Amino acid sequence: MNGKKLGLSFLVVVLLVGLVSGVALAQVGGVFMRFSLPQSVYNSIPRSSQIELSVDRGEGATYYVGDTITVRYRPRRAGFVNLVNYLPGGQVQILLRDQPVKEGVTETYRGVVSGPPGTERLVILFTPTPVSDSDLRSVVREPHQVSRILSRSEMNRTYFNVMERVSEVLLEIQPASFTVEPGASFIISAVLEDTSGRPLVARRINWNVSAGSLSSYSTLTNNSGVSKVTFYAPDNPMTVTIRAEFSGEGGLSSAQARATASVESQMRSTTLTISPSSFSAEAGERVRLEAYLEDQNGQPVYGRTIYWSSNRGSFSQNSVVTDSRGRVVVYYNAPDVTSSTSVEIRADFRGSVGLHPTSQVVYGTVEPAVVVAPLSDSLFYLDFSSGTPQHNFYRVQYRGGLVFDFSLSPAYLLELEGGDQIELQFNLDTVPEEGVLLLWAQGESRDELEVYLNGRQLKSIKPSSHVLGPGDYQEIDFRSNVLNKGTNRLQITANVGRGRVVRVQRVVLVF
């Protein structure tokens, strides 16, 4: 049994015959020459009963790339055979070269189909003696003239088709149907997976829509096999068909999916809910407010703007667009006050196509910052652990919101975004020679807290990246040259990246 490696039609070939005798000049299995065999010439090649030729699935059968194939041939008398393979790309392979055969013995030639896709034509040439390279080239070019080229020869032929093996894919648009207001927008997703549910990544999805428009008409799937577009509904009520198509590539089948959008104009009442419904805060404190916009059926209203206003204080944003839950989040910055002050906060949805306007009001109380006389000139502290800031500084101001977490013991911390700061004022009757600042802070190690005393930067310190324990504090030593007799001001400013925060539990100043 001889093993043969072929470069185009077959990857591995096993020839179940005896060893080849003699030396053949033409390369077996490689590209012998380039020649495209016309169908008309192929049809005119004589089929001799003296040499039989067949493939295991039958003439004209289909083989997929990677399939095994068996070629059988049987001569009526002893001699030599040459097996020629005409490939779809115009190459010619010599699969058998002057192979000796015995009278009436069926020989077998096996291999693995490797393409390229198309029709492969096999032609077998039987001669009583070996054939020269020049005569073989002439026969390859004019196989229908074999009797003229070689007087004592017989020929037969067969063919088979080669196709790429295609893996089926599943394409789905989510949601498959939805209702949208005229002129409104709606986000839809195409999900592309194989039949085992594995996502297909970085595959192109082409979109089209019967009316309205899309944010993009050609997108790529992400690591979850998902590709999203925004549908912009037309201004008039109608039913719109949205189609997504994957054209197929890399051995994957093509796939199509569609969704139906009902563009309906119907005025619906809306409800706006704010949480918390009331609050109490200290001057300078930051209060988190959430508002939810729903229609009369209790369904969240997406992509609509909520406007915020108040008789005192300010907001992180004065207008915010609702998310897929119909929710917006803002932060209310309590104003400085000298006595207990009532504040009114108002959220407004001004209405849109098909939706009535609505508003909601909540009330809060802002208390002046607690000022506690210092126990002595040797120690000052600020502690957020209880949820209500405790301190003995002359004056405390800060921006940020209290959060409950990030400490080994149950405690609150002040959460600071980039630019937020804590400002502490204290008085000294005499100027000590030195002092130390202890700061308990938690956050990412790449962020910093910048510390200033009377306008001079003492140090930039890194917060602890793990859960805070009693001994997890940063220490800054300083000398008397940064202190004043009388009023002193300590500033701690968050220097963090966009979307990140740093948290402060307590500040202790010791002289």
Protein backbone atom coordinates (compact mmCIF):
# COMPACT_ATOMS: atom_id res chain seq x y z
CA MET A 1 0.00 0.00 0.00
CA ASN A 2 1.60 3.30 -1.10
CA GLY A 3 0.63 6.69 0.47
CA LYS A 4 0.39 9.70 -1.85
CA LYS A 5 -0.04 13.38 -0.90
CA LEU A 6 -1.92 15.45 -3.47
CA GLY A 7 -2.11 19.25 -3.54
CA LEU A 8 -5.54 20.09 -5.00
CA SER A 9 -8.34 17.59 -5.49
CA PHE A 10 -7.18 15.10 -2.89
CA LEU A 11 -5.21 15.71 0.29
CA VAL A 12 -4.16 12.13 1.02
CA VAL A 13 -4.33 9.28 -1.44
CA VAL A 14 -3.84 5.58 -0.74
CA LEU A 15 -3.21 3.36 -3.73
CA LEU A 16 -4.16 -0.27 -3.12
CA VAL A 17 -1.92 -1.75 -5.79
CA GLY A 18 1.63 -3.12 -6.05
CA LEU A 19 4.71 -0.93 -6.27
CA VAL A 20 5.18 1.04 -9.45
CA SER A 21 7.88 -0.41 -11.67
CA GLY A 22 10.11 1.84 -13.72
CA VAL A 23 10.55 5.59 -13.46
CA ALA A 24 7.89 8.16 -14.50
CA LEU A 25 9.06 11.65 -15.39
CA ALA A 26 5.72 13.43 -14.75
CA GLN A 27 5.08 14.37 -11.09
CA VAL A 28 2.36 12.21 -9.54
CA GLY A 29 -0.19 14.18 -7.51
CA GLY A 30 1.16 17.64 -8.34
CA VAL A 31 0.03 20.03 -11.06
CA PHE A 32 1.13 18.37 -14.32
CA MET A 33 -0.02 21.24 -16.52
CA ARG A 34 -2.74 23.86 -16.86
CA PHE A 35 -5.55 23.13 -19.25
CA SER A 36 -9.32 23.72 -19.00
CA LEU A 37 -11.26 20.84 -20.51
CA PRO A 38 -14.34 22.10 -22.40
CA GLN A 39 -17.57 20.23 -21.71
CA SER A 40 -18.02 19.46 -25.40
CA VAL A 41 -14.57 17.84 -25.60
CA TYR A 42 -15.22 15.87 -22.41
CA ASN A 43 -18.51 14.54 -23.81
CA SER A 44 -16.72 13.31 -26.95
CA ILE A 45 -14.08 11.28 -25.08
CA PRO A 46 -14.63 7.60 -26.01
CA ARG A 47 -15.79 5.22 -23.29
CA SER A 48 -14.15 1.87 -23.78
CA SER A 49 -15.41 -1.34 -22.22
CA GLN A 50 -11.79 -2.48 -22.01
CA ILE A 51 -11.10 -0.21 -19.00
CA GLU A 52 -13.81 0.46 -16.39
CA LEU A 53 -13.78 3.65 -14.21
CA SER A 54 -16.15 4.71 -11.41
CA VAL A 55 -16.37 6.63 -8.09
CA ASP A 56 -18.01 5.18 -5.01
CA ARG A 57 -21.02 7.54 -4.99
CA GLY A 58 -21.66 7.23 -8.70
CA GLU A 59 -21.11 9.50 -11.67
CA GLY A 60 -22.26 13.09 -11.09
CA ALA A 61 -22.45 12.62 -7.30
CA THR A 62 -21.67 15.42 -4.87
CA TYR A 63 -18.74 15.33 -2.46
CA TYR A 64 -18.10 17.93 0.21
CA VAL A 65 -14.64 19.22 1.04
CA GLY A 66 -13.25 16.82 3.65
CA ASP A 67 -15.21 13.77 2.40
CA THR A 68 -13.36 10.57 1.49
CA ILE A 69 -13.65 9.33 -2.09
CA THR A 70 -12.85 5.95 -3.65
CA VAL A 71 -12.00 5.58 -7.34
CA ARG A 72 -12.22 2.04 -8.83
CA TYR A 73 -10.84 0.89 -12.19
CA ARG A 74 -10.54 -2.55 -13.85
CA PRO A 75 -8.78 -3.40 -17.13
CA ARG A 76 -9.74 -6.33 -19.35
CA ARG A 77 -6.07 -7.12 -19.99
CA ALA A 78 -2.69 -6.44 -18.42
CA GLY A 79 -0.87 -3.20 -19.16
CA PHE A 80 -0.42 0.30 -17.75
CA VAL A 81 -2.86 3.05 -16.70
CA ASN A 82 -2.59 6.81 -16.31
CA LEU A 83 -5.36 8.51 -14.26
CA VAL A 84 -5.84 12.19 -15.09
CA ASN A 85 -7.88 14.66 -13.01
CA TYR A 86 -9.15 17.92 -14.60
CA LEU A 87 -9.77 20.44 -11.79
CA PRO A 88 -12.33 23.31 -11.87
CA GLY A 89 -9.56 25.94 -11.73
CA GLY A 90 -7.89 24.74 -14.94
CA GLN A 91 -5.15 22.62 -13.35
CA VAL A 92 -4.45 19.05 -14.41
CA GLN A 93 -3.27 16.40 -11.97
CA ILE A 94 -1.74 13.04 -12.79
CA LEU A 95 -3.11 10.77 -10.07
CA LEU A 96 -1.62 7.56 -11.51
CA ARG A 97 1.42 7.52 -13.80
CA ASP A 98 2.12 4.36 -15.86
CA GLN A 99 0.66 2.21 -13.09
CA PRO A 100 1.00 -1.52 -13.98
CA VAL A 101 -2.31 -3.42 -13.81
CA LYS A 102 -3.33 -7.04 -14.13
CA GLU A 103 -6.01 -8.46 -16.37
CA GLY A 104 -9.48 -8.39 -14.76
CA VAL A 105 -8.26 -7.15 -11.34
CA THR A 106 -10.16 -4.22 -9.78
CA GLU A 107 -7.83 -1.65 -8.24
CA THR A 108 -8.83 1.02 -5.70
CA TYR A 109 -7.59 4.59 -5.29
CA ARG A 110 -8.73 6.46 -2.13
CA GLY A 111 -8.34 10.05 -0.97
CA VAL A 112 -9.88 13.02 0.85
CA VAL A 113 -11.57 15.71 -1.23
CA SER A 114 -10.05 19.17 -0.73
CA GLY A 115 -11.58 21.23 -3.55
CA PRO A 116 -11.74 23.82 -4.97
CA PRO A 117 -15.55 23.65 -5.40
CA GLY A 118 -16.79 22.81 -8.88
CA THR A 119 -16.84 19.81 -11.23
CA GLU A 120 -13.84 17.47 -11.35
CA ARG A 121 -13.46 15.21 -14.42
CA LEU A 122 -11.50 11.97 -14.23
CA VAL A 123 -10.09 10.39 -17.40
CA ILE A 124 -8.27 7.04 -17.38
CA LEU A 125 -5.89 5.97 -20.16
CA PHE A 126 -4.97 2.29 -20.67
CA THR A 127 -1.96 1.31 -22.82
CA PRO A 128 -0.07 -1.97 -23.22
CA THR A 129 3.26 -0.14 -22.66
CA PRO A 130 4.31 3.00 -20.69
CA VAL A 131 3.52 6.43 -22.22
CA SER A 132 6.09 9.20 -22.67
CA ASP A 133 5.58 12.64 -21.09
CA SER A 134 5.13 14.29 -24.48
CA ASP A 135 2.46 11.80 -25.58
CA LEU A 136 0.71 12.17 -22.22
CA ARG A 137 0.65 15.96 -22.62
CA SER A 138 -0.90 15.55 -26.08
CA VAL A 139 -3.56 13.21 -24.71
CA VAL A 140 -4.37 15.64 -21.87
CA ARG A 141 -4.92 18.45 -24.36
CA GLU A 142 -6.92 16.33 -26.86
CA PRO A 143 -8.34 13.34 -24.99
CA HIS A 144 -11.01 12.85 -27.68
CA GLN A 145 -8.18 12.29 -30.22
CA VAL A 146 -6.50 9.53 -28.19
CA SER A 147 -6.71 6.93 -30.97
CA ARG A 148 -4.79 9.25 -33.29
CA ILE A 149 -2.09 10.02 -30.68
CA LEU A 150 -1.70 6.49 -29.31
CA SER A 151 -2.76 3.70 -31.69
CA ARG A 152 -3.03 0.97 -29.06
CA SER A 153 -4.96 2.61 -26.22
CA GLU A 154 -8.29 2.56 -24.43
CA MET A 155 -9.96 5.39 -22.49
CA ASN A 156 -12.87 5.96 -20.09
CA ARG A 157 -14.18 8.87 -18.07
CA THR A 158 -16.41 9.92 -15.15
CA TYR A 159 -17.02 13.10 -13.12
CA PHE A 160 -18.19 14.28 -9.70
CA ASN A 161 -19.09 17.61 -8.08
CA VAL A 162 -17.25 19.23 -5.14
CA MET A 163 -18.94 21.65 -2.73
CA GLU A 164 -17.81 23.50 0.41
CA ARG A 165 -19.24 22.01 3.57
CA VAL A 166 -21.50 24.72 5.00
CA SER A 167 -22.37 25.16 8.68
CA GLU A 168 -25.90 26.34 9.35
CA VAL A 169 -26.39 29.58 11.28
CA LEU A 170 -29.35 31.14 13.06
CA LEU A 171 -30.19 34.84 12.74
CA GLU A 172 -32.88 36.51 14.83
CA ILE A 173 -34.05 40.10 15.28
CA GLN A 174 -35.06 41.01 18.82
CA PRO A 175 -37.76 42.00 19.40
CA ALA A 176 -39.47 40.36 16.43
CA SER A 177 -42.38 42.80 16.71
CA PHE A 178 -42.88 46.05 18.58
CA THR A 179 -44.96 49.22 18.65
CA VAL A 180 -43.47 52.67 18.33
CA GLU A 181 -44.82 56.21 18.12
CA PRO A 182 -44.56 58.13 14.83
CA GLY A 183 -41.22 59.94 14.69
CA ALA A 184 -39.85 58.07 17.72
CA SER A 185 -36.78 55.81 17.86
CA PHE A 186 -36.35 52.22 18.99
CA ILE A 187 -33.22 50.04 19.43
CA ILE A 188 -33.33 46.55 17.92
CA SER A 189 -30.73 43.75 17.94
CA ALA A 190 -29.71 41.05 15.48
CA VAL A 191 -28.41 37.89 17.15
CA LEU A 192 -26.22 35.54 15.06
CA GLU A 193 -25.36 32.06 16.40
CA ASP A 194 -24.46 28.62 15.15
CA THR A 195 -26.81 25.69 15.69
CA SER A 196 -25.11 24.93 19.02
CA GLY A 197 -25.94 28.40 20.33
CA ARG A 198 -22.37 29.72 20.11
CA PRO A 199 -22.16 33.42 19.16
CA LEU A 200 -20.61 34.30 15.80
CA VAL A 201 -18.28 37.25 16.33
CA ALA A 202 -17.25 40.04 13.91
CA ARG A 203 -19.72 38.96 11.20
CA ARG A 204 -21.30 41.59 8.96
CA ILE A 205 -25.07 42.10 9.14
CA ASN A 206 -26.78 44.05 6.35
CA TRP A 207 -30.06 45.83 7.16
CA ASN A 208 -32.91 47.36 5.21
CA VAL A 209 -36.24 48.87 6.17
CA SER A 210 -39.46 49.39 4.22
CA ALA A 211 -40.11 52.86 5.71
CA GLY A 212 -38.41 55.20 8.15
CA SER A 213 -34.65 54.83 8.54
CA LEU A 214 -31.91 53.10 10.53
CA SER A 215 -28.84 54.46 12.31
CA SER A 216 -26.70 52.08 10.20
CA TYR A 217 -27.34 49.68 7.33
CA SER A 218 -24.22 47.58 7.84
CA THR A 219 -23.00 46.47 11.27
CA LEU A 220 -20.67 43.88 12.85
CA THR A 221 -21.61 41.44 15.60
CA ASN A 222 -19.90 41.88 18.99
CA ASN A 223 -18.40 39.22 21.27
CA SER A 224 -21.93 38.05 22.15
CA GLY A 225 -22.90 37.68 18.48
CA VAL A 226 -25.15 40.75 18.79
CA SER A 227 -25.40 43.71 16.42
CA LYS A 228 -27.61 46.70 17.29
CA VAL A 229 -29.19 49.50 15.27
CA THR A 230 -31.62 52.28 16.07
CA PHE A 231 -34.86 52.37 14.08
CA TYR A 232 -36.30 55.83 13.41
CA ALA A 233 -40.01 55.53 12.80
CA PRO A 234 -41.71 57.46 9.98
CA ASP A 235 -43.98 60.38 10.89
CA ASN A 236 -47.17 58.63 9.77
CA PRO A 237 -48.85 55.52 11.23
CA MET A 238 -48.07 52.33 9.23
CA THR A 239 -46.59 48.84 9.50
CA VAL A 240 -42.87 48.71 8.75
CA THR A 241 -40.79 45.64 7.92
CA ILE A 242 -37.16 45.58 9.05
CA ARG A 243 -34.87 42.94 7.56
CA ALA A 244 -31.42 41.71 8.57
CA GLU A 245 -29.26 39.48 6.38
CA PHE A 246 -26.03 37.54 6.84
CA SER A 247 -24.64 36.70 3.40
CA GLY A 248 -22.61 33.69 4.56
CA GLU A 249 -18.83 33.44 4.67
CA GLY A 250 -16.04 31.18 5.87
CA GLY A 251 -18.05 27.98 5.46
CA LEU A 252 -21.16 29.46 7.11
CA SER A 253 -24.58 29.44 5.48
CA SER A 254 -26.45 32.64 4.72
CA ALA A 255 -29.39 33.64 6.92
CA GLN A 256 -32.17 36.20 6.97
CA ALA A 257 -34.51 37.53 9.64
CA ARG A 258 -37.18 40.19 9.83
CA ALA A 259 -39.10 42.18 12.40
CA THR A 260 -42.36 44.12 12.22
CA ALA A 261 -42.78 47.60 13.66
CA SER A 262 -46.30 48.94 14.22
CA VAL A 263 -46.09 52.70 14.00
CA GLU A 264 -49.15 53.88 15.92
CA SER A 265 -50.23 57.34 16.99
CA GLN A 266 -52.18 57.29 20.23
CA MET A 267 -52.13 59.89 22.99
CA ARG A 268 -51.41 58.19 26.28
CA SER A 269 -51.25 59.63 29.75
CA THR A 270 -47.94 59.37 31.62
CA THR A 271 -46.83 59.17 35.24
CA LEU A 272 -43.62 60.45 36.76
CA THR A 273 -42.38 59.02 40.07
CA ILE A 274 -39.42 60.42 42.06
CA SER A 275 -37.44 58.51 44.67
CA PRO A 276 -36.98 59.42 47.46
CA SER A 277 -40.33 61.17 47.82
CA SER A 278 -38.86 63.43 50.54
CA PHE A 279 -35.45 63.91 52.14
CA SER A 280 -33.37 65.74 54.70
CA ALA A 281 -29.83 66.83 53.89
CA GLU A 282 -27.05 68.93 55.32
CA ALA A 283 -25.76 72.01 53.52
CA GLY A 284 -23.31 70.98 50.81
CA GLU A 285 -24.52 67.38 50.79
CA ARG A 286 -25.25 65.56 47.50
CA VAL A 287 -28.60 63.75 47.24
CA ARG A 288 -29.23 61.04 44.62
CA LEU A 289 -32.63 61.30 42.93
CA GLU A 290 -34.24 58.78 40.57
CA ALA A 291 -37.28 59.45 38.40
CA TYR A 292 -39.31 56.87 36.46
CA LEU A 293 -41.54 57.72 33.49
CA GLU A 294 -44.33 55.26 32.65
CA ASP A 295 -47.33 55.31 30.33
CA GLN A 296 -50.91 54.59 31.33
CA ASN A 297 -50.30 50.85 30.98
CA GLY A 298 -47.39 50.90 33.41
CA GLN A 299 -44.84 50.44 30.60
CA PRO A 300 -41.54 52.35 30.85
CA VAL A 301 -41.16 55.23 28.37
CA TYR A 302 -37.73 55.16 26.73
CA GLY A 303 -35.77 58.00 25.14
CA ARG A 304 -37.72 60.95 26.57
CA THR A 305 -36.20 64.00 28.32
CA ILE A 306 -36.90 64.83 31.97
CA TYR A 307 -36.18 68.44 33.07
CA TRP A 308 -35.18 69.30 36.67
CA SER A 309 -35.59 72.53 38.63
CA SER A 310 -35.52 73.70 42.26
CA ASN A 311 -36.13 76.88 44.24
CA ARG A 312 -32.76 76.37 46.01
CA GLY A 313 -29.61 74.39 45.17
CA SER A 314 -28.44 72.94 41.88
CA PHE A 315 -28.29 69.64 39.92
CA SER A 316 -25.56 67.55 38.32
CA GLN A 317 -27.64 67.78 35.10
CA ASN A 318 -30.69 69.91 34.39
CA SER A 319 -32.09 67.52 31.73
CA VAL A 320 -31.64 63.75 31.36
CA VAL A 321 -33.02 61.22 28.81
CA THR A 322 -34.81 58.12 30.15
CA ASP A 323 -33.13 54.73 29.67
CA SER A 324 -34.77 51.43 28.65
CA ARG A 325 -36.37 51.23 32.14
CA GLY A 326 -37.86 54.70 31.78
CA ARG A 327 -35.41 55.90 34.46
CA VAL A 328 -33.19 58.94 34.93
CA VAL A 329 -30.70 59.66 37.74
CA VAL A 330 -29.51 63.10 38.87
CA TYR A 331 -27.73 64.46 41.94
CA TYR A 332 -29.12 67.43 43.88
CA ASN A 333 -26.49 69.68 45.50
CA ALA A 334 -27.90 71.09 48.72
CA PRO A 335 -27.24 74.85 49.12
CA ASP A 336 -25.45 76.59 51.99
CA VAL A 337 -28.02 77.71 54.57
CA THR A 338 -27.81 79.30 58.01
CA SER A 339 -31.06 77.78 59.30
CA SER A 340 -33.35 74.86 58.50
CA THR A 341 -34.69 75.52 54.97
CA SER A 342 -37.43 73.81 52.93
CA VAL A 343 -36.64 73.15 49.27
CA GLU A 344 -38.91 72.16 46.39
CA ILE A 345 -37.61 69.95 43.60
CA ARG A 346 -39.60 69.55 40.40
CA ALA A 347 -39.23 67.05 37.53
CA ASP A 348 -41.07 67.72 34.25
CA PHE A 349 -41.81 65.60 31.19
CA ARG A 350 -43.04 68.11 28.61
CA GLY A 351 -44.82 65.56 26.40
CA SER A 352 -44.06 64.19 22.93
CA VAL A 353 -45.86 62.57 20.01
CA GLY A 354 -48.55 60.30 21.48
CA LEU A 355 -47.67 61.09 25.11
CA HIS A 356 -49.24 63.65 27.45
CA PRO A 357 -46.93 65.77 29.64
CA THR A 358 -46.62 65.15 33.36
CA SER A 359 -44.65 66.46 36.34
CA GLN A 360 -43.86 65.58 39.92
CA VAL A 361 -42.69 67.58 42.96
CA VAL A 362 -40.82 66.39 46.05
CA TYR A 363 -39.93 68.40 49.13
CA GLY A 364 -36.82 68.29 51.26
CA THR A 365 -35.22 70.02 54.20
CA VAL A 366 -31.68 71.38 54.18
CA GLU A 367 -30.05 71.86 57.56
CA PRO A 368 -27.04 74.09 58.17
CA ALA A 369 -23.68 72.32 58.47
CA VAL A 370 -23.09 71.18 62.05
CA VAL A 371 -20.35 73.19 63.74
CA VAL A 372 -18.93 71.65 66.89
CA ALA A 373 -16.48 73.49 69.05
CA PRO A 374 -13.13 71.71 69.10
CA LEU A 375 -12.27 69.66 72.16
CA SER A 376 -8.81 71.18 72.02
CA ASP A 377 -6.33 72.69 69.60
CA SER A 378 -4.53 69.34 69.33
CA LEU A 379 -7.07 67.10 67.50
CA PHE A 380 -9.71 67.67 64.83
CA TYR A 381 -11.77 64.96 63.11
CA LEU A 382 -14.46 64.35 60.46
CA ASP A 383 -16.17 60.92 60.37
CA PHE A 384 -18.88 59.75 57.92
CA SER A 385 -19.19 56.23 59.38
CA SER A 386 -22.60 56.72 61.06
CA GLY A 387 -24.28 58.10 57.94
CA THR A 388 -24.50 61.56 59.54
CA PRO A 389 -21.19 63.41 59.36
CA GLN A 390 -19.62 63.86 62.82
CA HIS A 391 -16.83 66.43 63.29
CA ASN A 392 -15.34 69.11 65.52
CA PHE A 393 -14.06 71.44 62.78
CA TYR A 394 -15.24 75.05 62.82
CA ARG A 395 -16.78 74.63 59.36
CA VAL A 396 -17.26 71.65 56.98
CA GLN A 397 -18.24 71.77 53.30
CA TYR A 398 -18.21 68.90 50.76
CA ARG A 399 -19.68 67.60 47.51
CA GLY A 400 -20.53 63.92 47.11
CA GLY A 401 -22.98 61.28 48.25
CA LEU A 402 -22.86 58.82 51.14
CA VAL A 403 -22.61 55.10 50.31
CA PHE A 404 -22.80 52.08 52.64
CA ASP A 405 -20.02 49.60 51.90
CA PHE A 406 -16.26 49.27 51.33
CA SER A 407 -15.43 48.92 55.06
CA LEU A 408 -14.80 45.88 57.27
CA SER A 409 -17.26 47.23 59.85
CA PRO A 410 -20.75 48.53 58.89
CA ALA A 411 -20.02 52.12 57.90
CA TYR A 412 -20.81 54.89 55.44
CA LEU A 413 -18.25 56.61 53.21
CA LEU A 414 -18.41 59.85 51.23
CA GLU A 415 -18.19 59.09 47.49
CA LEU A 416 -16.30 61.73 45.46
CA GLU A 417 -16.21 62.06 41.68
CA GLY A 418 -13.46 63.88 39.80
CA GLY A 419 -13.23 67.48 41.04
CA ASP A 420 -15.39 66.89 44.14
CA GLN A 421 -13.77 68.06 47.34
CA ILE A 422 -13.97 68.31 51.13
CA GLU A 423 -13.16 71.72 52.67
CA LEU A 424 -12.47 71.90 56.42
CA GLN A 425 -11.88 75.07 58.49
CA PHE A 426 -10.26 75.09 61.96
CA ASN A 427 -8.81 77.69 64.30
CA LEU A 428 -5.52 77.64 66.24
CA ASP A 429 -4.69 79.88 69.19
CA THR A 430 -1.01 79.02 68.83
CA VAL A 431 0.95 77.52 65.95
CA PRO A 432 2.29 74.04 66.79
CA GLU A 433 5.70 72.96 65.52
CA GLU A 434 4.37 70.04 63.47
CA GLY A 435 1.25 68.04 62.70
CA VAL A 436 0.03 64.89 61.04
CA LEU A 437 -3.03 64.19 58.86
CA LEU A 438 -4.58 60.70 58.88
CA LEU A 439 -6.93 59.87 56.00
CA TRP A 440 -9.04 56.72 55.55
CA ALA A 441 -9.84 56.48 51.81
CA GLN A 442 -10.81 53.66 49.40
CA GLY A 443 -10.74 53.51 45.59
CA GLU A 444 -8.63 52.44 42.64
CA SER A 445 -4.87 52.68 43.11
CA ARG A 446 -4.49 54.73 39.92
CA ASP A 447 -6.61 57.54 41.42
CA GLU A 448 -5.45 60.22 43.87
CA LEU A 449 -6.58 62.59 46.59
CA GLU A 450 -4.79 65.95 46.52
CA VAL A 451 -4.37 67.53 49.97
CA TYR A 452 -3.87 71.30 50.43
CA LEU A 453 -3.38 73.23 53.68
CA ASN A 454 -3.85 76.98 53.48
CA GLY A 455 -3.39 76.83 49.72
CA ARG A 456 -0.17 74.80 49.81
CA GLN A 457 -0.20 71.28 48.43
CA LEU A 458 0.96 68.88 51.13
CA LYS A 459 0.86 65.66 49.11
CA SER A 460 -1.07 63.56 46.58
CA ILE A 461 -1.98 60.24 48.16
CA LYS A 462 -3.30 56.96 46.76
CA PRO A 463 -6.46 55.46 48.26
CA SER A 464 -6.55 51.89 49.53
CA SER A 465 -7.69 49.50 46.78
CA HIS A 466 -9.20 46.97 49.20
CA VAL A 467 -11.90 47.05 51.89
CA LEU A 468 -10.98 49.51 54.64
CA GLY A 469 -9.95 48.34 58.09
CA PRO A 470 -9.13 50.44 61.17
CA GLY A 471 -5.43 50.56 60.29
CA ASP A 472 -5.87 51.33 56.59
CA TYR A 473 -5.08 55.04 56.65
CA GLN A 474 -2.68 57.25 54.72
CA GLU A 475 -0.43 59.58 56.77
CA ILE A 476 0.90 63.03 55.86
CA ASP A 477 3.37 64.83 58.15
CA PHE A 478 3.81 68.60 57.90
CA ARG A 479 5.66 71.45 59.65
CA SER A 480 4.51 74.69 61.22
CA ASN A 481 5.38 76.76 58.14
CA VAL A 482 2.08 75.74 56.50
CA LEU A 483 -0.07 76.68 59.52
CA ASN A 484 -1.59 80.00 60.56
CA LYS A 485 -2.41 81.38 63.96
CA GLY A 486 -6.16 81.76 63.84
CA THR A 487 -8.10 80.46 60.80
CA ASN A 488 -6.73 77.52 58.76
CA ARG A 489 -8.27 75.79 55.76
CA LEU A 490 -7.75 72.12 54.77
CA GLN A 491 -8.81 71.00 51.28
CA ILE A 492 -9.05 67.39 49.98
CA THR A 493 -9.81 67.14 46.24
CA ALA A 494 -10.56 63.97 44.23
CA ASN A 495 -8.35 63.50 41.16
CA VAL A 496 -9.99 60.51 39.43
CA GLY A 497 -10.71 59.38 35.89
CA ARG A 498 -14.04 59.75 34.13
CA GLY A 499 -16.64 57.34 35.47
CA ARG A 500 -14.58 56.44 38.59
CA VAL A 501 -14.93 57.54 42.25
CA VAL A 502 -12.88 57.59 45.43
CA ARG A 503 -14.45 57.20 48.91
CA VAL A 504 -13.49 58.88 52.21
CA GLN A 505 -14.49 57.42 55.60
CA ARG A 506 -12.74 59.74 58.06
CA VAL A 507 -10.19 62.56 58.40
CA VAL A 508 -8.12 63.10 61.57
CA LEU A 509 -5.79 66.06 62.16
CA VAL A 510 -3.37 65.79 65.12
CA PHE A 511 -0.89 68.36 66.47
